[in-house]
């Protein structure tokens, strides 16, 4: 079987993000990504992750925002089914072993998230009019 190698598994230049995914709906925040020590102990949080529903694909996708890119990310103002936009999204395709069969997984990374039609990206916790 042949395969095509794409540098860094980044397929963003090969697709039209808007046409491929269509409207995106926020589903839920999932476990943050953490660094791990040599002994396997949990370290600091390195990224926030959440799931979105793609209207055009009819499927859920995991989105990751790296805290190095956006240390002030705050997902608390997003609720299930909010229509959202991703700021500078990149799409990656990765092969994951599932027993004896490889499984191709698509993940999305962005630098921020905002509600559709909003002019400002996410606000830092405690910033602006956000109340906890």
N, C-alpha and C. Protein backbone atom coordinates (compact mmCIF):
# COMPACT_ATOMS: atom_id res chain seq x y z
N UNK A 1 0.84 -1.17 0.00
CA UNK A 1 0.00 0.00 0.00
C UNK A 1 0.89 1.23 0.00
N UNK A 2 0.55 2.21 -0.79
CA UNK A 2 1.30 3.46 -0.88
C UNK A 2 0.72 4.49 0.07
N UNK A 3 1.53 5.45 0.40
CA UNK A 3 1.04 6.55 1.22
C UNK A 3 1.72 7.84 0.77
N UNK A 4 1.09 8.94 1.08
CA UNK A 4 1.65 10.24 0.75
C UNK A 4 2.12 10.86 2.05
N UNK A 5 3.36 11.34 2.06
CA UNK A 5 3.89 12.00 3.25
C UNK A 5 3.74 13.50 3.10
N UNK A 6 3.19 14.12 4.11
CA UNK A 6 3.03 15.57 4.15
C UNK A 6 3.86 16.05 5.32
N UNK A 7 4.72 17.04 5.06
CA UNK A 7 5.62 17.53 6.09
C UNK A 7 4.85 17.95 7.35
N UNK A 8 5.22 17.38 8.48
CA UNK A 8 4.59 17.70 9.75
C UNK A 8 3.14 17.26 9.85
N UNK A 9 2.67 16.46 8.91
CA UNK A 9 1.27 16.00 8.86
C UNK A 9 0.28 17.14 8.75
N UNK A 10 0.74 18.34 8.37
CA UNK A 10 -0.12 19.52 8.25
C UNK A 10 -0.77 19.53 6.88
N UNK A 11 -2.08 19.25 6.83
CA UNK A 11 -2.79 19.22 5.55
C UNK A 11 -3.54 20.52 5.27
N UNK A 12 -3.34 21.53 6.12
CA UNK A 12 -4.05 22.80 5.96
C UNK A 12 -3.90 23.40 4.56
N UNK A 13 -2.69 23.42 3.98
CA UNK A 13 -2.57 24.02 2.64
C UNK A 13 -3.29 23.23 1.55
N UNK A 14 -3.68 22.01 1.84
CA UNK A 14 -4.30 21.16 0.83
C UNK A 14 -5.83 21.23 0.83
N UNK A 15 -6.41 21.93 1.82
CA UNK A 15 -7.87 21.98 1.91
C UNK A 15 -8.36 23.41 2.03
N UNK A 16 -9.63 23.62 1.74
CA UNK A 16 -10.32 24.88 2.00
C UNK A 16 -11.05 24.65 3.32
N UNK A 17 -10.55 25.25 4.40
CA UNK A 17 -11.08 24.99 5.74
C UNK A 17 -12.58 25.25 5.81
N UNK A 18 -13.02 26.39 5.29
CA UNK A 18 -14.44 26.77 5.35
C UNK A 18 -15.32 25.75 4.63
N UNK A 19 -14.93 25.37 3.41
CA UNK A 19 -15.73 24.41 2.64
C UNK A 19 -15.67 23.01 3.26
N UNK A 20 -14.52 22.65 3.79
CA UNK A 20 -14.35 21.30 4.35
C UNK A 20 -15.15 21.12 5.63
N UNK A 21 -15.09 22.09 6.53
CA UNK A 21 -15.71 21.93 7.85
C UNK A 21 -17.04 22.67 8.00
N UNK A 22 -17.26 23.74 7.23
CA UNK A 22 -18.49 24.50 7.37
C UNK A 22 -18.60 25.15 8.74
N UNK A 23 -19.83 25.35 9.21
CA UNK A 23 -20.03 25.93 10.53
C UNK A 23 -19.55 24.96 11.60
N UNK A 24 -18.95 25.52 12.65
CA UNK A 24 -18.47 24.73 13.77
C UNK A 24 -19.28 25.08 15.01
N UNK A 25 -19.63 24.06 15.78
CA UNK A 25 -20.36 24.24 17.04
C UNK A 25 -19.50 23.73 18.19
N UNK A 26 -19.40 24.53 19.24
CA UNK A 26 -18.66 24.14 20.43
C UNK A 26 -19.43 23.03 21.14
N UNK A 27 -18.76 21.95 21.49
CA UNK A 27 -19.42 20.86 22.22
C UNK A 27 -19.04 20.86 23.69
N UNK A 28 -17.75 20.70 23.97
CA UNK A 28 -17.33 20.68 25.37
C UNK A 28 -15.82 20.74 25.48
N UNK A 29 -15.36 21.27 26.63
CA UNK A 29 -13.94 21.24 26.92
C UNK A 29 -13.63 19.83 27.42
N UNK A 30 -12.49 19.32 27.01
CA UNK A 30 -12.07 18.00 27.49
C UNK A 30 -10.78 18.18 28.27
N UNK A 31 -10.23 17.11 28.78
CA UNK A 31 -9.05 17.18 29.64
C UNK A 31 -7.94 17.99 28.99
N UNK A 32 -7.37 18.90 29.77
CA UNK A 32 -6.24 19.69 29.29
C UNK A 32 -5.05 18.78 29.03
N UNK A 33 -4.20 19.17 28.11
CA UNK A 33 -2.98 18.41 27.85
C UNK A 33 -1.94 18.85 28.86
N UNK A 34 -1.26 17.89 29.47
CA UNK A 34 -0.26 18.18 30.50
C UNK A 34 1.07 17.59 30.12
N UNK A 35 2.12 18.24 30.60
CA UNK A 35 3.45 17.66 30.41
C UNK A 35 3.59 16.50 31.40
N UNK A 36 4.49 15.58 31.10
CA UNK A 36 4.73 14.43 31.98
C UNK A 36 6.20 14.36 32.34
N UNK A 37 6.47 14.10 33.62
CA UNK A 37 7.85 13.93 34.07
C UNK A 37 8.37 12.57 33.66
N UNK A 38 9.65 12.34 33.90
CA UNK A 38 10.27 11.05 33.56
C UNK A 38 9.60 9.90 34.29
N UNK A 39 9.09 10.17 35.49
CA UNK A 39 8.43 9.13 36.28
C UNK A 39 6.95 9.00 35.94
N UNK A 40 6.49 9.76 34.94
CA UNK A 40 5.09 9.68 34.52
C UNK A 40 4.17 10.60 35.29
N UNK A 41 4.72 11.35 36.26
CA UNK A 41 3.90 12.25 37.05
C UNK A 41 3.42 13.41 36.20
N UNK A 42 2.20 13.85 36.51
CA UNK A 42 1.63 14.98 35.79
C UNK A 42 2.43 16.24 36.05
N UNK A 43 2.58 17.04 34.99
CA UNK A 43 3.26 18.32 35.11
C UNK A 43 2.28 19.45 34.86
N UNK A 44 2.80 20.54 34.36
CA UNK A 44 1.95 21.71 34.12
C UNK A 44 1.10 21.52 32.87
N UNK A 45 0.00 22.26 32.82
CA UNK A 45 -0.89 22.22 31.66
C UNK A 45 -0.18 22.93 30.51
N UNK A 46 -0.15 22.30 29.34
CA UNK A 46 0.52 22.86 28.17
C UNK A 46 -0.45 23.31 27.09
N UNK A 47 -1.69 22.81 27.13
CA UNK A 47 -2.67 23.16 26.11
C UNK A 47 -4.08 22.88 26.62
N UNK A 48 -5.05 23.64 26.10
CA UNK A 48 -6.45 23.34 26.38
C UNK A 48 -7.01 22.61 25.16
N UNK A 49 -7.94 21.71 25.41
CA UNK A 49 -8.54 20.93 24.32
C UNK A 49 -10.05 20.95 24.47
N UNK A 50 -10.71 20.95 23.32
CA UNK A 50 -12.16 20.93 23.31
C UNK A 50 -12.63 20.27 22.03
N UNK A 51 -13.90 19.90 22.02
CA UNK A 51 -14.46 19.25 20.83
C UNK A 51 -15.45 20.18 20.16
N UNK A 52 -15.45 20.10 18.82
CA UNK A 52 -16.38 20.87 18.00
C UNK A 52 -17.10 19.91 17.06
N UNK A 53 -18.26 20.33 16.63
CA UNK A 53 -19.03 19.57 15.65
C UNK A 53 -18.96 20.32 14.33
N UNK A 54 -18.54 19.64 13.28
CA UNK A 54 -18.46 20.21 11.94
C UNK A 54 -19.77 19.96 11.21
N UNK A 55 -20.41 21.04 10.75
CA UNK A 55 -21.67 20.91 10.02
C UNK A 55 -21.47 20.14 8.72
N UNK A 56 -20.44 20.47 7.97
CA UNK A 56 -20.23 19.82 6.67
C UNK A 56 -19.77 18.37 6.79
N UNK A 57 -19.00 18.05 7.79
CA UNK A 57 -18.51 16.68 7.95
C UNK A 57 -19.48 15.81 8.75
N UNK A 58 -20.35 16.44 9.54
CA UNK A 58 -21.27 15.67 10.38
C UNK A 58 -20.52 14.84 11.41
N UNK A 59 -19.38 15.37 11.86
CA UNK A 59 -18.53 14.63 12.79
C UNK A 59 -17.92 15.59 13.81
N UNK A 60 -17.46 15.01 14.92
CA UNK A 60 -16.80 15.77 15.97
C UNK A 60 -15.30 15.76 15.72
N UNK A 61 -14.66 16.88 16.06
CA UNK A 61 -13.21 16.99 15.93
C UNK A 61 -12.66 17.59 17.21
N UNK A 62 -11.46 17.14 17.58
CA UNK A 62 -10.77 17.67 18.74
C UNK A 62 -9.92 18.85 18.31
N UNK A 63 -10.01 19.94 19.08
CA UNK A 63 -9.23 21.14 18.81
C UNK A 63 -8.30 21.38 20.00
N UNK A 64 -7.07 21.78 19.67
CA UNK A 64 -6.08 22.06 20.71
C UNK A 64 -5.57 23.48 20.54
N UNK A 65 -5.50 24.22 21.65
CA UNK A 65 -4.87 25.54 21.67
C UNK A 65 -3.71 25.47 22.65
N UNK A 66 -2.51 25.65 22.12
CA UNK A 66 -1.28 25.56 22.91
C UNK A 66 -1.14 26.81 23.77
N UNK A 67 -0.82 26.64 25.04
CA UNK A 67 -0.67 27.77 25.94
C UNK A 67 0.55 28.62 25.60
N UNK A 68 1.52 28.07 24.86
CA UNK A 68 2.65 28.89 24.39
C UNK A 68 2.15 29.92 23.38
N UNK A 69 1.14 29.56 22.58
CA UNK A 69 0.57 30.47 21.59
C UNK A 69 -0.42 31.44 22.21
N UNK A 70 -1.13 31.01 23.26
CA UNK A 70 -2.18 31.82 23.86
C UNK A 70 -2.31 31.47 25.34
N UNK A 71 -1.45 32.05 26.19
CA UNK A 71 -1.49 31.70 27.63
C UNK A 71 -2.73 32.20 28.35
N UNK A 72 -3.52 33.08 27.73
CA UNK A 72 -4.69 33.66 28.39
C UNK A 72 -6.00 33.04 27.91
N UNK A 73 -5.98 31.91 27.23
CA UNK A 73 -7.18 31.29 26.70
C UNK A 73 -8.18 30.99 27.83
N UNK A 74 -9.44 31.28 27.57
CA UNK A 74 -10.49 31.05 28.56
C UNK A 74 -11.72 30.49 27.84
N UNK A 75 -12.05 29.24 28.12
CA UNK A 75 -13.19 28.60 27.46
C UNK A 75 -14.47 28.68 28.29
N UNK A 76 -14.43 29.34 29.44
CA UNK A 76 -15.58 29.35 30.35
C UNK A 76 -16.82 30.05 29.77
N UNK A 77 -16.64 30.94 28.81
CA UNK A 77 -17.81 31.65 28.27
C UNK A 77 -18.48 30.89 27.13
N UNK A 78 -17.95 29.75 26.74
CA UNK A 78 -18.53 28.98 25.66
C UNK A 78 -19.44 27.89 26.21
N UNK A 79 -20.60 27.75 25.59
CA UNK A 79 -21.56 26.74 26.01
C UNK A 79 -21.80 25.78 24.84
N UNK A 80 -22.30 24.61 25.18
CA UNK A 80 -22.60 23.62 24.16
C UNK A 80 -23.51 24.22 23.09
N UNK A 81 -23.17 23.98 21.85
CA UNK A 81 -23.92 24.39 20.67
C UNK A 81 -23.69 25.85 20.26
N UNK A 82 -22.77 26.58 20.94
CA UNK A 82 -22.41 27.91 20.46
C UNK A 82 -21.74 27.77 19.11
N UNK A 83 -22.12 28.61 18.15
CA UNK A 83 -21.46 28.62 16.86
C UNK A 83 -20.15 29.41 17.03
N UNK A 84 -19.03 28.79 16.64
CA UNK A 84 -17.73 29.39 16.91
C UNK A 84 -16.90 29.50 15.64
N UNK A 85 -15.84 30.29 15.75
CA UNK A 85 -14.83 30.41 14.71
C UNK A 85 -13.48 30.15 15.36
N UNK A 86 -12.61 29.49 14.63
CA UNK A 86 -11.25 29.27 15.11
C UNK A 86 -10.33 30.29 14.47
N UNK A 87 -9.40 30.81 15.25
CA UNK A 87 -8.44 31.78 14.76
C UNK A 87 -7.18 31.04 14.32
N UNK A 88 -6.83 31.21 13.06
CA UNK A 88 -5.66 30.57 12.44
C UNK A 88 -5.65 29.04 12.65
N UNK A 89 -6.70 28.37 12.19
CA UNK A 89 -6.74 26.91 12.37
C UNK A 89 -5.75 26.19 11.44
N UNK A 90 -5.21 25.09 11.94
CA UNK A 90 -4.38 24.19 11.16
C UNK A 90 -4.93 22.79 11.34
N UNK A 91 -4.93 22.01 10.28
CA UNK A 91 -5.50 20.67 10.30
C UNK A 91 -4.37 19.66 10.14
N UNK A 92 -4.37 18.66 11.01
CA UNK A 92 -3.34 17.63 10.99
C UNK A 92 -3.99 16.26 10.85
N UNK A 93 -3.35 15.40 10.10
CA UNK A 93 -3.82 14.03 9.92
C UNK A 93 -2.74 13.11 10.49
N UNK A 94 -3.15 12.27 11.41
CA UNK A 94 -2.18 11.38 12.08
C UNK A 94 -2.69 9.95 12.02
N UNK A 95 -1.75 9.03 11.93
CA UNK A 95 -2.10 7.61 11.98
C UNK A 95 -1.97 7.14 13.41
N UNK A 96 -3.00 6.47 13.89
CA UNK A 96 -2.99 5.91 15.25
C UNK A 96 -3.22 4.42 15.12
N UNK A 97 -2.39 3.64 15.77
CA UNK A 97 -2.57 2.19 15.73
C UNK A 97 -3.77 1.79 16.55
N UNK A 98 -4.60 0.96 15.97
CA UNK A 98 -5.78 0.44 16.65
C UNK A 98 -5.72 -1.07 16.52
N UNK A 99 -4.89 -1.67 17.34
CA UNK A 99 -4.67 -3.11 17.21
C UNK A 99 -3.85 -3.38 15.96
N UNK A 100 -4.37 -4.18 15.06
CA UNK A 100 -3.63 -4.51 13.86
C UNK A 100 -3.97 -3.59 12.69
N UNK A 101 -4.95 -2.71 12.87
CA UNK A 101 -5.38 -1.81 11.80
C UNK A 101 -5.01 -0.36 12.12
N UNK A 102 -4.40 0.34 11.18
CA UNK A 102 -4.13 1.76 11.42
C UNK A 102 -5.44 2.56 11.33
N UNK A 103 -5.50 3.60 12.09
CA UNK A 103 -6.69 4.44 12.12
C UNK A 103 -6.22 5.88 11.88
N UNK A 104 -6.76 6.55 10.87
CA UNK A 104 -6.38 7.92 10.57
C UNK A 104 -7.25 8.86 11.40
N UNK A 105 -6.59 9.79 12.10
CA UNK A 105 -7.28 10.73 12.97
C UNK A 105 -6.96 12.15 12.50
N UNK A 106 -7.98 12.98 12.43
CA UNK A 106 -7.80 14.38 12.06
C UNK A 106 -7.93 15.21 13.33
N UNK A 107 -6.95 16.07 13.57
CA UNK A 107 -7.01 16.98 14.70
C UNK A 107 -6.81 18.40 14.18
N UNK A 108 -7.29 19.36 14.95
CA UNK A 108 -7.19 20.76 14.57
C UNK A 108 -6.49 21.51 15.69
N UNK A 109 -5.60 22.40 15.30
CA UNK A 109 -4.95 23.29 16.25
C UNK A 109 -5.26 24.72 15.84
N UNK A 110 -5.39 25.61 16.82
CA UNK A 110 -5.68 27.02 16.55
C UNK A 110 -4.95 27.85 17.59
N UNK A 111 -4.95 29.16 17.37
CA UNK A 111 -4.34 30.03 18.39
C UNK A 111 -5.40 30.68 19.28
N UNK A 112 -6.68 30.62 18.84
CA UNK A 112 -7.76 31.16 19.67
C UNK A 112 -9.11 30.71 19.13
N UNK A 113 -10.15 31.02 19.88
CA UNK A 113 -11.53 30.69 19.52
C UNK A 113 -12.38 31.91 19.83
N UNK A 114 -13.41 32.14 19.00
CA UNK A 114 -14.36 33.21 19.30
C UNK A 114 -15.74 32.77 18.84
N UNK A 115 -16.76 33.39 19.45
CA UNK A 115 -18.12 33.10 19.02
C UNK A 115 -18.32 33.70 17.64
N UNK A 116 -19.06 33.01 16.80
CA UNK A 116 -19.29 33.46 15.43
C UNK A 116 -19.91 34.86 15.46
N UNK A 117 -19.33 35.74 14.68
CA UNK A 117 -19.82 37.11 14.61
C UNK A 117 -19.19 38.04 15.63
N UNK A 118 -18.49 37.49 16.64
CA UNK A 118 -17.84 38.32 17.65
C UNK A 118 -16.58 38.94 17.05
N UNK A 119 -16.24 40.14 17.47
CA UNK A 119 -15.04 40.79 16.95
C UNK A 119 -13.82 40.48 17.78
N UNK A 120 -14.03 40.11 19.05
CA UNK A 120 -12.89 39.81 19.92
C UNK A 120 -12.76 38.32 20.15
N UNK A 121 -11.51 37.82 20.15
CA UNK A 121 -11.28 36.42 20.52
C UNK A 121 -11.56 36.21 22.01
N UNK A 122 -11.27 35.02 22.49
CA UNK A 122 -11.54 34.71 23.90
C UNK A 122 -10.82 35.69 24.81
N UNK A 123 -11.41 35.96 25.95
CA UNK A 123 -10.84 36.89 26.92
C UNK A 123 -10.18 36.12 28.04
N UNK A 124 -9.16 36.69 28.66
CA UNK A 124 -8.54 36.03 29.81
C UNK A 124 -9.50 35.92 30.97
N UNK A 125 -9.32 34.91 31.77
CA UNK A 125 -10.16 34.72 32.95
C UNK A 125 -10.04 35.97 33.83
N UNK A 126 -11.20 36.47 34.27
CA UNK A 126 -11.22 37.65 35.13
C UNK A 126 -11.09 38.95 34.37
N UNK A 127 -10.89 38.89 33.06
CA UNK A 127 -10.74 40.11 32.25
C UNK A 127 -12.09 40.58 31.74
N UNK A 128 -12.15 41.82 31.35
CA UNK A 128 -13.39 42.37 30.77
C UNK A 128 -14.56 42.23 31.71
N UNK A 129 -15.72 41.84 31.16
CA UNK A 129 -16.93 41.69 31.95
C UNK A 129 -17.18 40.26 32.38
N UNK A 130 -16.20 39.36 32.17
CA UNK A 130 -16.38 37.96 32.56
C UNK A 130 -16.50 37.86 34.06
N UNK A 131 -17.47 37.10 34.51
CA UNK A 131 -17.65 36.88 35.95
C UNK A 131 -17.67 35.38 36.19
N UNK A 132 -17.05 34.99 37.28
CA UNK A 132 -17.02 33.57 37.61
C UNK A 132 -18.11 33.22 38.56
